[in-house]
Amino acid sequence: MRAFNFLGAVAGILGTTLTVALAVAAWASGEYAPQVVIAALGTVNIALAIICLLMFLRSEELSRDKLKLEPLVDAQGREITQFERAIKKIESDYCEAASALHSILDQLRDKMYDLGGVVEAIDRGDSVLDPVLRDHVRTNEMFYLFVVDIVKTSMDILTGGKCSVCIKFVFENEREILMLRTFMRDSNSYRERKIADLMATVYPYYDNTAFKEILDGKRNYYASDDLSSEKPYFNSNQNWREQYNSTLVCPIRILGLPENDNDGVYYSVLGFICVDNREGGLAKQICVQTLASVADSLYNHFLAYHKLTDLAWDVMDDGLSSAHPPEGHESASTDVSR
């Protein structure tokens, strides 16, 4: 374009020069009629030369502007590419998290089907052999290890951090105080957290802000990405600051209907599923809704599992699981009024 404009301008100037030369020659020869035509053509050539010259100058200006804008355009192109990659990664991460959730539900369906037959036999008063109880208790206990490991994988993906996951069950002691104990931890955090579990084997619910506020009916779940700024915040684990600063806790519960008009609604609470990390991101709604869906889906299985272990502790001389001790095993659920 620049070369074309330049050649056009040069051609216009040459045409104008030639026209002037012919006009002078015609004037000298005394032939005036052609002089008018030649003058007109000369005027046109001059106009064309001016136009072409202006176009050339404009083209030069646009070329300079283009050179200035090229780095910005390239930068925007790179940003768009980065955004596209980020969107694809988010989509991939969410698909992976959804796939993990699907894995839990798939296993849960199978475990509920198998466990349902045993629970029905227990409810009918049928005799269940000791080896059968052992097998079902251990199999379903391993299912919960599978659950916390899969939840950890999902939360690692959704937060970009290194998460720890555990399930705690809640029961009433002989003084009718709500107590908690760790039931299962994910494979990665077990070694680091087992000391804290041993130091606080069983503790009252009010020793932890998250459990207290949920069981007191103040929250449906507890989520914070900066626990150090929460006032007040207390925890039965005295070393929590060294291990995490972000947490998400969802109850394993179901809404109970009042028996009469004077009674309020209440929740039957079996336990909690808890996630924490140092990096944060657990307060995001995608994390909250994902964990809440897992907690809600576990209620019926957790209830049946409690019933199975209740019977197991009654008929077995030796303990089946270090994760589910005799303390509180007889309390399958705790009703919390709202």
C-alpha atoms as a PDB file:
ATOM      1  CA  MET A   1       0.000   0.000   0.000  1.00  0.00           C
ATOM      2  CA  ARG A   2       2.806   2.368   0.906  1.00  0.00           C
ATOM      3  CA  ALA A   3       4.691   1.589  -2.323  1.00  0.00           C
ATOM      4  CA  PHE A   4       1.521   2.059  -4.382  1.00  0.00           C
ATOM      5  CA  ASN A   5       0.802   5.465  -2.844  1.00  0.00           C
ATOM      6  CA  PHE A   6       4.413   6.523  -3.329  1.00  0.00           C
ATOM      7  CA  LEU A   7       4.411   5.500  -7.005  1.00  0.00           C
ATOM      8  CA  GLY A   8       1.059   7.232  -7.504  1.00  0.00           C
ATOM      9  CA  ALA A   9       2.445  10.446  -6.081  1.00  0.00           C
ATOM     10  CA  VAL A  10       5.567  10.231  -8.235  1.00  0.00           C
ATOM     11  CA  ALA A  11       3.442   9.491 -11.311  1.00  0.00           C
ATOM     12  CA  GLY A  12       1.217  12.483 -10.557  1.00  0.00           C
ATOM     13  CA  ILE A  13       4.224  14.776 -10.204  1.00  0.00           C
ATOM     14  CA  LEU A  14       5.736  13.504 -13.473  1.00  0.00           C
ATOM     15  CA  GLY A  15       2.372  13.899 -15.212  1.00  0.00           C
ATOM     16  CA  THR A  16       2.066  17.446 -13.945  1.00  0.00           C
ATOM     17  CA  THR A  17       5.597  18.274 -15.128  1.00  0.00           C
ATOM     18  CA  LEU A  18       4.897  16.784 -18.568  1.00  0.00           C
ATOM     19  CA  THR A  19       1.585  18.650 -18.810  1.00  0.00           C
ATOM     20  CA  VAL A  20       3.280  21.962 -17.973  1.00  0.00           C
ATOM     21  CA  ALA A  21       5.945  21.251 -20.579  1.00  0.00           C
ATOM     22  CA  LEU A  22       3.329  20.554 -23.257  1.00  0.00           C
ATOM     23  CA  ALA A  23       1.369  23.663 -22.264  1.00  0.00           C
ATOM     24  CA  VAL A  24       4.481  25.812 -22.695  1.00  0.00           C
ATOM     25  CA  ALA A  25       5.175  24.220 -26.064  1.00  0.00           C
ATOM     26  CA  ALA A  26       1.587  24.822 -27.210  1.00  0.00           C
ATOM     27  CA  TRP A  27       1.711  28.422 -26.066  1.00  0.00           C
ATOM     28  CA  ALA A  28       4.891  28.989 -27.994  1.00  0.00           C
ATOM     29  CA  SER A  29       3.356  27.490 -31.158  1.00  0.00           C
ATOM     30  CA  GLY A  30       0.259  29.725 -30.945  1.00  0.00           C
ATOM     31  CA  GLU A  31      -2.242  26.822 -30.815  1.00  0.00           C
ATOM     32  CA  TYR A  32      -4.493  27.893 -27.926  1.00  0.00           C
ATOM     33  CA  ALA A  33      -7.294  25.305 -28.123  1.00  0.00           C
ATOM     34  CA  PRO A  34      -5.083  22.434 -27.127  1.00  0.00           C
ATOM     35  CA  GLN A  35      -3.703  24.661 -24.378  1.00  0.00           C
ATOM     36  CA  VAL A  36      -7.078  24.612 -22.591  1.00  0.00           C
ATOM     37  CA  VAL A  37      -7.241  20.816 -22.718  1.00  0.00           C
ATOM     38  CA  ILE A  38      -3.663  20.547 -21.607  1.00  0.00           C
ATOM     39  CA  ALA A  39      -4.282  23.006 -18.757  1.00  0.00           C
ATOM     40  CA  ALA A  40      -7.299  20.984 -17.620  1.00  0.00           C
ATOM     41  CA  LEU A  41      -5.329  17.782 -17.694  1.00  0.00           C
ATOM     42  CA  GLY A  42      -2.559  19.498 -15.810  1.00  0.00           C
ATOM     43  CA  THR A  43      -4.991  20.602 -13.112  1.00  0.00           C
ATOM     44  CA  VAL A  44      -6.299  17.050 -12.780  1.00  0.00           C
ATOM     45  CA  ASN A  45      -2.788  15.685 -12.542  1.00  0.00           C
ATOM     46  CA  ILE A  46      -1.907  18.238  -9.887  1.00  0.00           C
ATOM     47  CA  ALA A  47      -4.981  17.245  -7.866  1.00  0.00           C
ATOM     48  CA  LEU A  48      -4.131  13.594  -8.237  1.00  0.00           C
ATOM     49  CA  ALA A  49      -0.556  14.255  -7.199  1.00  0.00           C
ATOM     50  CA  ILE A  50      -1.696  16.107  -4.092  1.00  0.00           C
ATOM     51  CA  ILE A  51      -4.162  13.319  -3.215  1.00  0.00           C
ATOM     52  CA  CYS A  52      -1.562  10.610  -3.709  1.00  0.00           C
ATOM     53  CA  LEU A  53       0.972  12.549  -1.690  1.00  0.00           C
ATOM     54  CA  LEU A  54      -1.520  12.996   1.163  1.00  0.00           C
ATOM     55  CA  MET A  55      -2.396   9.310   0.991  1.00  0.00           C
ATOM     56  CA  PHE A  56       1.286   8.458   1.178  1.00  0.00           C
ATOM     57  CA  LEU A  57       1.785  10.694   4.199  1.00  0.00           C
ATOM     58  CA  ARG A  58      -1.312   9.188   5.851  1.00  0.00           C
ATOM     59  CA  SER A  59      -0.046   5.707   5.109  1.00  0.00           C
ATOM     60  CA  GLU A  60       3.251   6.565   6.751  1.00  0.00           C
ATOM     61  CA  GLU A  61       1.396   7.813   9.825  1.00  0.00           C
ATOM     62  CA  LEU A  62      -0.713   4.661   9.992  1.00  0.00           C
ATOM     63  CA  SER A  63       2.382   2.532   9.631  1.00  0.00           C
ATOM     64  CA  ARG A  64       4.017   4.299  12.563  1.00  0.00           C
ATOM     65  CA  ASP A  65       0.850   3.829  14.643  1.00  0.00           C
ATOM     66  CA  LYS A  66       0.793   0.169  13.694  1.00  0.00           C
ATOM     67  CA  LEU A  67       4.368  -0.265  14.867  1.00  0.00           C
ATOM     68  CA  LYS A  68       3.412   1.310  18.191  1.00  0.00           C
ATOM     69  CA  LEU A  69       0.319  -0.872  18.581  1.00  0.00           C
ATOM     70  CA  GLU A  70       1.888  -4.166  17.549  1.00  0.00           C
ATOM     71  CA  PRO A  71       3.415  -4.858  21.007  1.00  0.00           C
ATOM     72  CA  LEU A  72       0.055  -4.089  22.646  1.00  0.00           C
ATOM     73  CA  VAL A  73      -1.794  -6.334  20.206  1.00  0.00           C
ATOM     74  CA  ASP A  74       0.725  -9.107  20.783  1.00  0.00           C
ATOM     75  CA  ALA A  75       0.386  -8.677  24.556  1.00  0.00           C
ATOM     76  CA  GLN A  76      -3.403  -8.817  24.305  1.00  0.00           C
ATOM     77  CA  GLY A  77      -3.105 -11.915  22.154  1.00  0.00           C
ATOM     78  CA  ARG A  78      -0.954 -13.577  24.783  1.00  0.00           C
ATOM     79  CA  GLU A  79      -3.411 -12.564  27.526  1.00  0.00           C
ATOM     80  CA  ILE A  80      -6.325 -13.997  25.544  1.00  0.00           C
ATOM     81  CA  THR A  81      -4.386 -17.234  25.079  1.00  0.00           C
ATOM     82  CA  GLN A  82      -3.652 -17.356  28.816  1.00  0.00           C
ATOM     83  CA  PHE A  83      -7.324 -16.710  29.638  1.00  0.00           C
ATOM     84  CA  GLU A  84      -8.390 -19.475  27.260  1.00  0.00           C
ATOM     85  CA  ARG A  85      -5.933 -21.876  28.876  1.00  0.00           C
ATOM     86  CA  ALA A  86      -7.117 -20.832  32.344  1.00  0.00           C
ATOM     87  CA  ILE A  87     -10.755 -21.405  31.364  1.00  0.00           C
ATOM     88  CA  LYS A  88      -9.900 -24.831  29.974  1.00  0.00           C
ATOM     89  CA  LYS A  89      -8.015 -25.694  33.156  1.00  0.00           C
ATOM     90  CA  ILE A  90     -10.947 -24.609  35.330  1.00  0.00           C
ATOM     91  CA  GLU A  91     -13.289 -26.677  33.184  1.00  0.00           C
ATOM     92  CA  SER A  92     -10.920 -29.649  33.413  1.00  0.00           C
ATOM     93  CA  ASP A  93     -10.562 -29.236  37.196  1.00  0.00           C
ATOM     94  CA  TYR A  94     -14.319 -29.035  37.730  1.00  0.00           C
ATOM     95  CA  CYS A  95     -14.836 -32.099  35.546  1.00  0.00           C
ATOM     96  CA  GLU A  96     -12.215 -33.987  37.566  1.00  0.00           C
ATOM     97  CA  ALA A  97     -13.831 -32.910  40.840  1.00  0.00           C
ATOM     98  CA  ALA A  98     -17.260 -33.940  39.541  1.00  0.00           C
ATOM     99  CA  SER A  99     -15.820 -37.286  38.447  1.00  0.00           C
ATOM    100  CA  ALA A 100     -14.418 -37.812  41.958  1.00  0.00           C
ATOM    101  CA  LEU A 101     -17.827 -37.040  43.453  1.00  0.00           C
ATOM    102  CA  HIS A 102     -19.380 -39.499  41.031  1.00  0.00           C
ATOM    103  CA  SER A 103     -16.921 -42.144  42.246  1.00  0.00           C
ATOM    104  CA  ILE A 104     -18.074 -41.623  45.842  1.00  0.00           C
ATOM    105  CA  LEU A 105     -21.751 -41.873  44.893  1.00  0.00           C
ATOM    106  CA  ASP A 106     -21.086 -44.938  42.784  1.00  0.00           C
ATOM    107  CA  GLN A 107     -19.387 -46.729  45.686  1.00  0.00           C
ATOM    108  CA  LEU A 108     -21.994 -45.453  48.133  1.00  0.00           C
ATOM    109  CA  ARG A 109     -24.799 -46.989  46.073  1.00  0.00           C
ATOM    110  CA  ASP A 110     -23.065 -50.369  46.090  1.00  0.00           C
ATOM    111  CA  LYS A 111     -22.271 -50.227  49.812  1.00  0.00           C
ATOM    112  CA  MET A 112     -25.825 -49.224  50.711  1.00  0.00           C
ATOM    113  CA  TYR A 113     -27.172 -52.128  48.684  1.00  0.00           C
ATOM    114  CA  ASP A 114     -24.899 -54.630  50.436  1.00  0.00           C
ATOM    115  CA  LEU A 115     -25.319 -53.100  53.876  1.00  0.00           C
ATOM    116  CA  GLY A 116     -29.079 -52.832  53.503  1.00  0.00           C
ATOM    117  CA  GLY A 117     -29.498 -56.591  53.457  1.00  0.00           C
ATOM    118  CA  VAL A 118     -27.531 -57.026  56.680  1.00  0.00           C
ATOM    119  CA  VAL A 119     -29.399 -54.208  58.448  1.00  0.00           C
ATOM    120  CA  GLU A 120     -32.754 -55.670  57.381  1.00  0.00           C
ATOM    121  CA  ALA A 121     -31.694 -59.032  58.810  1.00  0.00           C
ATOM    122  CA  ILE A 122     -30.707 -57.344  62.064  1.00  0.00           C
ATOM    123  CA  ASP A 123     -34.048 -55.497  62.221  1.00  0.00           C
ATOM    124  CA  ARG A 124     -35.925 -58.785  61.687  1.00  0.00           C
ATOM    125  CA  GLY A 125     -34.016 -60.312  64.567  1.00  0.00           C
ATOM    126  CA  ASP A 126     -32.201 -62.796  62.360  1.00  0.00           C
ATOM    127  CA  SER A 127     -28.921 -64.194  63.599  1.00  0.00           C
ATOM    128  CA  VAL A 128     -25.943 -62.716  61.777  1.00  0.00           C
ATOM    129  CA  LEU A 129     -22.730 -64.675  61.914  1.00  0.00           C
ATOM    130  CA  ASP A 130     -19.694 -63.087  63.483  1.00  0.00           C
ATOM    131  CA  PRO A 131     -17.519 -63.446  60.327  1.00  0.00           C
ATOM    132  CA  VAL A 132     -20.216 -61.727  58.286  1.00  0.00           C
ATOM    133  CA  LEU A 133     -20.263 -58.796  60.695  1.00  0.00           C
ATOM    134  CA  ARG A 134     -16.483 -58.581  60.639  1.00  0.00           C
ATOM    135  CA  ASP A 135     -16.405 -58.519  56.872  1.00  0.00           C
ATOM    136  CA  HIS A 136     -19.097 -55.840  56.535  1.00  0.00           C
ATOM    137  CA  VAL A 137     -17.637 -53.615  59.241  1.00  0.00           C
ATOM    138  CA  ARG A 138     -14.172 -53.709  57.746  1.00  0.00           C
ATOM    139  CA  THR A 139     -15.400 -53.326  54.173  1.00  0.00           C
ATOM    140  CA  ASN A 140     -17.500 -50.289  55.029  1.00  0.00           C
ATOM    141  CA  GLU A 141     -14.722 -48.835  57.144  1.00  0.00           C
ATOM    142  CA  MET A 142     -12.454 -49.025  54.098  1.00  0.00           C
ATOM    143  CA  PHE A 143     -15.203 -47.289  52.156  1.00  0.00           C
ATOM    144  CA  TYR A 144     -14.861 -44.264  54.448  1.00  0.00           C
ATOM    145  CA  LEU A 145     -11.117 -44.237  53.881  1.00  0.00           C
ATOM    146  CA  PHE A 146     -11.914 -44.195  50.169  1.00  0.00           C
ATOM    147  CA  VAL A 147     -14.328 -41.288  50.742  1.00  0.00           C
ATOM    148  CA  VAL A 148     -11.871 -39.053  52.615  1.00  0.00           C
ATOM    149  CA  ASP A 149      -9.108 -39.780  50.080  1.00  0.00           C
ATOM    150  CA  ILE A 150     -11.383 -38.878  47.160  1.00  0.00           C
ATOM    151  CA  VAL A 151     -12.632 -35.747  48.928  1.00  0.00           C
ATOM    152  CA  LYS A 152      -9.016 -34.729  49.516  1.00  0.00           C
ATOM    153  CA  THR A 153      -8.267 -35.151  45.803  1.00  0.00           C
ATOM    154  CA  SER A 154     -11.279 -33.014  44.873  1.00  0.00           C
ATOM    155  CA  MET A 155     -10.463 -30.266  47.373  1.00  0.00           C
ATOM    156  CA  ASP A 156      -6.814 -30.199  46.296  1.00  0.00           C
ATOM    157  CA  ILE A 157      -8.032 -29.579  42.749  1.00  0.00           C
ATOM    158  CA  LEU A 158     -10.616 -26.945  43.660  1.00  0.00           C
ATOM    159  CA  THR A 159      -8.365 -24.965  46.020  1.00  0.00           C
ATOM    160  CA  GLY A 160      -4.960 -25.524  44.470  1.00  0.00           C
ATOM    161  CA  GLY A 161      -3.688 -26.350  47.959  1.00  0.00           C
ATOM    162  CA  LYS A 162      -2.742 -29.415  49.962  1.00  0.00           C
ATOM    163  CA  CYS A 163      -5.821 -30.381  51.939  1.00  0.00           C
ATOM    164  CA  SER A 164      -6.422 -32.712  54.859  1.00  0.00           C
ATOM    165  CA  VAL A 165      -9.771 -34.433  55.311  1.00  0.00           C
ATOM    166  CA  CYS A 166     -11.344 -36.258  58.223  1.00  0.00           C
ATOM    167  CA  ILE A 167     -14.712 -37.553  59.376  1.00  0.00           C
ATOM    168  CA  LYS A 168     -15.758 -37.117  62.993  1.00  0.00           C
ATOM    169  CA  PHE A 169     -18.723 -38.664  64.722  1.00  0.00           C
ATOM    170  CA  VAL A 170     -20.750 -37.044  67.455  1.00  0.00           C
ATOM    171  CA  PHE A 171     -22.427 -38.710  70.430  1.00  0.00           C
ATOM    172  CA  GLU A 172     -23.698 -37.940  73.917  1.00  0.00           C
ATOM    173  CA  ASN A 173     -21.739 -39.049  76.963  1.00  0.00           C
ATOM    174  CA  GLU A 174     -23.275 -40.179  80.235  1.00  0.00           C
ATOM    175  CA  ARG A 175     -23.792 -36.522  81.257  1.00  0.00           C
ATOM    176  CA  GLU A 176     -25.629 -35.831  77.975  1.00  0.00           C
ATOM    177  CA  ILE A 177     -22.835 -33.600  76.698  1.00  0.00           C
ATOM    178  CA  LEU A 178     -22.212 -33.764  72.963  1.00  0.00           C
ATOM    179  CA  MET A 179     -18.794 -35.270  72.348  1.00  0.00           C
ATOM    180  CA  LEU A 180     -16.685 -35.729  69.219  1.00  0.00           C
ATOM    181  CA  ARG A 181     -14.056 -38.164  68.106  1.00  0.00           C
ATOM    182  CA  THR A 182     -12.110 -38.578  64.868  1.00  0.00           C
ATOM    183  CA  PHE A 183     -13.413 -41.553  62.914  1.00  0.00           C
ATOM    184  CA  MET A 184     -11.327 -41.481  59.735  1.00  0.00           C
ATOM    185  CA  ARG A 185      -8.522 -39.425  58.181  1.00  0.00           C
ATOM    186  CA  ASP A 186      -7.205 -39.341  54.653  1.00  0.00           C
ATOM    187  CA  SER A 187      -4.106 -41.417  53.993  1.00  0.00           C
ATOM    188  CA  ASN A 188      -1.753 -38.459  53.525  1.00  0.00           C
ATOM    189  CA  SER A 189      -2.597 -36.544  56.699  1.00  0.00           C
ATOM    190  CA  TYR A 190      -2.976 -39.509  59.053  1.00  0.00           C
ATOM    191  CA  ARG A 191       0.692 -39.596  60.125  1.00  0.00           C
ATOM    192  CA  GLU A 192       0.852 -35.851  60.788  1.00  0.00           C
ATOM    193  CA  ARG A 193      -2.482 -35.585  62.586  1.00  0.00           C
ATOM    194  CA  LYS A 194      -2.550 -38.819  64.590  1.00  0.00           C
ATOM    195  CA  ILE A 195      -0.702 -37.133  67.464  1.00  0.00           C
ATOM    196  CA  ALA A 196      -3.445 -34.512  67.745  1.00  0.00           C
ATOM    197  CA  ASP A 197      -6.069 -37.277  67.665  1.00  0.00           C
ATOM    198  CA  LEU A 198      -4.290 -39.155  70.464  1.00  0.00           C
ATOM    199  CA  MET A 199      -3.952 -36.013  72.578  1.00  0.00           C
ATOM    200  CA  ALA A 200      -7.663 -35.256  72.234  1.00  0.00           C
ATOM    201  CA  THR A 201      -9.223 -38.671  71.813  1.00  0.00           C
ATOM    202  CA  VAL A 202     -12.690 -37.494  72.826  1.00  0.00           C
ATOM    203  CA  TYR A 203     -13.631 -33.876  73.457  1.00  0.00           C
ATOM    204  CA  PRO A 204     -16.812 -31.809  73.969  1.00  0.00           C
ATOM    205  CA  TYR A 205     -18.277 -30.089  70.954  1.00  0.00           C
ATOM    206  CA  TYR A 206     -17.823 -26.620  72.469  1.00  0.00           C
ATOM    207  CA  ASP A 207     -14.032 -27.023  72.367  1.00  0.00           C
ATOM    208  CA  ASN A 208     -14.177 -26.287  68.644  1.00  0.00           C
ATOM    209  CA  THR A 209     -15.816 -23.172  67.193  1.00  0.00           C
ATOM    210  CA  ALA A 210     -16.937 -24.880  63.985  1.00  0.00           C
ATOM    211  CA  PHE A 211     -18.730 -27.751  65.728  1.00  0.00           C
ATOM    212  CA  LYS A 212     -20.193 -25.472  68.391  1.00  0.00           C
ATOM    213  CA  GLU A 213     -21.697 -22.975  65.960  1.00  0.00           C
ATOM    214  CA  ILE A 214     -23.190 -25.715  63.793  1.00  0.00           C
ATOM    215  CA  LEU A 215     -24.606 -27.739  66.689  1.00  0.00           C
ATOM    216  CA  ASP A 216     -25.875 -24.558  68.376  1.00  0.00           C
ATOM    217  CA  GLY A 217     -27.824 -23.789  65.212  1.00  0.00           C
ATOM    218  CA  LYS A 218     -25.898 -20.645  64.293  1.00  0.00           C
ATOM    219  CA  ARG A 219     -24.571 -21.975  60.982  1.00  0.00           C
ATOM    220  CA  ASN A 220     -25.381 -24.696  58.477  1.00  0.00           C
ATOM    221  CA  TYR A 221     -21.680 -25.111  57.797  1.00  0.00           C
ATOM    222  CA  TYR A 222     -18.458 -23.456  58.919  1.00  0.00           C
ATOM    223  CA  ALA A 223     -16.020 -22.032  56.381  1.00  0.00           C
ATOM    224  CA  SER A 224     -13.086 -19.660  56.778  1.00  0.00           C
ATOM    225  CA  ASP A 225     -10.038 -18.896  54.661  1.00  0.00           C
ATOM    226  CA  ASP A 226      -8.284 -17.032  57.468  1.00  0.00           C
ATOM    227  CA  LEU A 227      -8.838 -18.646  60.842  1.00  0.00           C
ATOM    228  CA  SER A 228      -6.158 -16.502  62.463  1.00  0.00           C
ATOM    229  CA  SER A 229      -8.406 -13.463  61.940  1.00  0.00           C
ATOM    230  CA  GLU A 230     -11.568 -15.135  63.273  1.00  0.00           C
ATOM    231  CA  LYS A 231     -12.492 -13.690  66.651  1.00  0.00           C
ATOM    232  CA  PRO A 232     -13.159 -15.780  68.595  1.00  0.00           C
ATOM    233  CA  TYR A 233     -11.884 -19.071  67.244  1.00  0.00           C
ATOM    234  CA  PHE A 234     -10.909 -22.011  69.429  1.00  0.00           C
ATOM    235  CA  ASN A 235      -9.860 -25.553  68.629  1.00  0.00           C
ATOM    236  CA  SER A 236      -9.171 -28.677  70.655  1.00  0.00           C
ATOM    237  CA  ASN A 237      -6.008 -29.134  68.556  1.00  0.00           C
ATOM    238  CA  GLN A 238      -3.542 -26.760  70.205  1.00  0.00           C
ATOM    239  CA  ASN A 239      -1.223 -26.946  67.175  1.00  0.00           C
ATOM    240  CA  TRP A 240      -3.808 -26.014  64.560  1.00  0.00           C
ATOM    241  CA  ARG A 241      -1.958 -22.807  63.599  1.00  0.00           C
ATOM    242  CA  GLU A 242       1.022 -24.859  62.495  1.00  0.00           C
ATOM    243  CA  GLN A 243      -1.098 -27.178  60.392  1.00  0.00           C
ATOM    244  CA  TYR A 244      -3.738 -25.023  58.708  1.00  0.00           C
ATOM    245  CA  ASN A 245      -5.338 -21.597  58.475  1.00  0.00           C
ATOM    246  CA  SER A 246      -8.375 -22.427  56.359  1.00  0.00           C
ATOM    247  CA  THR A 247     -11.166 -24.877  57.135  1.00  0.00           C
ATOM    248  CA  LEU A 248     -14.518 -26.118  55.893  1.00  0.00           C
ATOM    249  CA  VAL A 249     -16.829 -28.227  58.063  1.00  0.00           C
ATOM    250  CA  CYS A 250     -20.153 -29.725  56.956  1.00  0.00           C
ATOM    251  CA  PRO A 251     -22.471 -31.774  59.174  1.00  0.00           C
ATOM    252  CA  ILE A 252     -23.653 -35.272  58.321  1.00  0.00           C
ATOM    253  CA  ARG A 253     -27.284 -34.745  59.261  1.00  0.00           C
ATOM    254  CA  ILE A 254     -30.914 -34.902  58.238  1.00  0.00           C
ATOM    255  CA  LEU A 255     -33.800 -32.566  59.025  1.00  0.00           C
ATOM    256  CA  GLY A 256     -36.342 -34.046  61.438  1.00  0.00           C
ATOM    257  CA  LEU A 257     -40.008 -33.050  61.435  1.00  0.00           C
ATOM    258  CA  PRO A 258     -41.619 -31.888  64.704  1.00  0.00           C
ATOM    259  CA  GLU A 259     -43.954 -34.387  66.352  1.00  0.00           C
ATOM    260  CA  ASN A 260     -46.440 -31.657  67.329  1.00  0.00           C
ATOM    261  CA  ASP A 261     -47.080 -27.974  66.691  1.00  0.00           C
ATOM    262  CA  ASN A 262     -45.218 -26.858  69.785  1.00  0.00           C
ATOM    263  CA  ASP A 263     -41.971 -28.534  68.769  1.00  0.00           C
ATOM    264  CA  GLY A 264     -39.465 -26.826  66.531  1.00  0.00           C
ATOM    265  CA  VAL A 265     -37.563 -28.426  63.679  1.00  0.00           C
ATOM    266  CA  TYR A 266     -34.425 -30.306  64.570  1.00  0.00           C
ATOM    267  CA  TYR A 267     -31.506 -32.042  62.886  1.00  0.00           C
ATOM    268  CA  SER A 268     -30.384 -35.581  63.519  1.00  0.00           C
ATOM    269  CA  VAL A 269     -26.602 -35.128  63.448  1.00  0.00           C
ATOM    270  CA  LEU A 270     -24.328 -38.156  63.077  1.00  0.00           C
ATOM    271  CA  GLY A 271     -21.014 -36.417  62.570  1.00  0.00           C
ATOM    272  CA  PHE A 272     -18.994 -34.011  60.460  1.00  0.00           C
ATOM    273  CA  ILE A 273     -16.775 -34.112  57.425  1.00  0.00           C
ATOM    274  CA  CYS A 274     -13.937 -31.603  57.759  1.00  0.00           C
ATOM    275  CA  VAL A 275     -11.350 -30.184  55.341  1.00  0.00           C
ATOM    276  CA  ASP A 276      -8.469 -27.832  56.079  1.00  0.00           C
ATOM    277  CA  ASN A 277      -5.339 -26.457  54.436  1.00  0.00           C
ATOM    278  CA  ARG A 278      -2.818 -23.639  54.705  1.00  0.00           C
ATOM    279  CA  GLU A 279      -3.459 -22.076  51.306  1.00  0.00           C
ATOM    280  CA  GLY A 280      -7.151 -21.151  51.612  1.00  0.00           C
ATOM    281  CA  GLY A 281      -9.906 -21.343  49.003  1.00  0.00           C
ATOM    282  CA  LEU A 282     -12.149 -23.601  51.073  1.00  0.00           C
ATOM    283  CA  ALA A 283     -14.734 -20.861  51.642  1.00  0.00           C
ATOM    284  CA  LYS A 284     -15.538 -20.793  47.913  1.00  0.00           C
ATOM    285  CA  GLN A 285     -19.070 -21.934  47.175  1.00  0.00           C
ATOM    286  CA  ILE A 286     -17.861 -24.651  44.802  1.00  0.00           C
ATOM    287  CA  CYS A 287     -16.012 -26.210  47.757  1.00  0.00           C
ATOM    288  CA  VAL A 288     -18.886 -25.690  50.184  1.00  0.00           C
ATOM    289  CA  GLN A 289     -21.492 -27.216  47.860  1.00  0.00           C
ATOM    290  CA  THR A 290     -19.232 -30.123  46.912  1.00  0.00           C
ATOM    291  CA  LEU A 291     -18.491 -31.056  50.516  1.00  0.00           C
ATOM    292  CA  ALA A 292     -22.108 -30.521  51.607  1.00  0.00           C
ATOM    293  CA  SER A 293     -23.303 -32.884  48.873  1.00  0.00           C
ATOM    294  CA  VAL A 294     -20.890 -35.555  50.107  1.00  0.00           C
ATOM    295  CA  ALA A 295     -21.982 -35.046  53.731  1.00  0.00           C
ATOM    296  CA  ASP A 296     -25.682 -35.244  52.837  1.00  0.00           C
ATOM    297  CA  SER A 297     -25.210 -38.379  50.747  1.00  0.00           C
ATOM    298  CA  LEU A 298     -23.397 -40.150  53.602  1.00  0.00           C
ATOM    299  CA  TYR A 299     -26.154 -39.820  56.216  1.00  0.00           C
ATOM    300  CA  ASN A 300     -28.105 -43.018  55.490  1.00  0.00           C
ATOM    301  CA  HIS A 301     -24.991 -45.108  55.098  1.00  0.00           C
ATOM    302  CA  PHE A 302     -23.458 -43.641  58.246  1.00  0.00           C
ATOM    303  CA  LEU A 303     -26.639 -44.484  60.159  1.00  0.00           C
ATOM    304  CA  ALA A 304     -26.637 -48.070  58.889  1.00  0.00           C
ATOM    305  CA  TYR A 305     -22.916 -48.380  59.614  1.00  0.00           C
ATOM    306  CA  HIS A 306     -23.515 -47.262  63.207  1.00  0.00           C
ATOM    307  CA  LYS A 307     -26.206 -49.894  63.598  1.00  0.00           C
ATOM    308  CA  LEU A 308     -23.871 -52.541  62.224  1.00  0.00           C
ATOM    309  CA  THR A 309     -21.017 -51.594  64.536  1.00  0.00           C
ATOM    310  CA  ASP A 310     -23.403 -51.411  67.518  1.00  0.00           C
ATOM    311  CA  LEU A 311     -24.247 -55.056  66.943  1.00  0.00           C
ATOM    312  CA  ALA A 312     -20.621 -55.911  66.243  1.00  0.00           C
ATOM    313  CA  TRP A 313     -19.470 -54.514  69.596  1.00  0.00           C
ATOM    314  CA  ASP A 314     -22.204 -56.471  71.332  1.00  0.00           C
ATOM    315  CA  VAL A 315     -21.294 -59.856  69.849  1.00  0.00           C
ATOM    316  CA  MET A 316     -17.528 -59.640  69.477  1.00  0.00           C
ATOM    317  CA  ASP A 317     -15.001 -60.112  72.201  1.00  0.00           C
ATOM    318  CA  ASP A 318     -12.240 -58.183  70.436  1.00  0.00           C
ATOM    319  CA  GLY A 319     -12.336 -54.696  68.937  1.00  0.00           C
ATOM    320  CA  LEU A 320     -12.777 -54.425  65.214  1.00  0.00           C
ATOM    321  CA  SER A 321     -11.581 -50.914  64.618  1.00  0.00           C
ATOM    322  CA  SER A 322      -9.269 -48.535  66.367  1.00  0.00           C
ATOM    323  CA  ALA A 323     -11.111 -45.741  64.554  1.00  0.00           C
ATOM    324  CA  HIS A 324     -14.458 -46.645  66.113  1.00  0.00           C
ATOM    325  CA  PRO A 325     -13.975 -47.312  69.846  1.00  0.00           C
ATOM    326  CA  PRO A 326     -16.630 -48.359  72.337  1.00  0.00           C
ATOM    327  CA  GLU A 327     -17.026 -44.800  73.680  1.00  0.00           C
ATOM    328  CA  GLY A 328     -20.179 -43.419  72.139  1.00  0.00           C
ATOM    329  CA  HIS A 329     -20.671 -46.261  69.708  1.00  0.00           C
ATOM    330  CA  GLU A 330     -24.155 -46.917  71.043  1.00  0.00           C
ATOM    331  CA  SER A 331     -25.371 -43.428  70.033  1.00  0.00           C
ATOM    332  CA  ALA A 332     -26.232 -43.549  66.373  1.00  0.00           C
ATOM    333  CA  SER A 333     -27.437 -39.972  66.147  1.00  0.00           C
ATOM    334  CA  THR A 334     -27.764 -36.745  68.094  1.00  0.00           C
ATOM    335  CA  ASP A 335     -30.825 -34.547  67.766  1.00  0.00           C
ATOM    336  CA  VAL A 336     -30.096 -30.832  67.644  1.00  0.00           C
ATOM    337  CA  SER A 337     -32.991 -28.383  67.819  1.00  0.00           C
ATOM    338  CA  ARG A 338     -33.108 -25.295  65.644  1.00  0.00           C
END
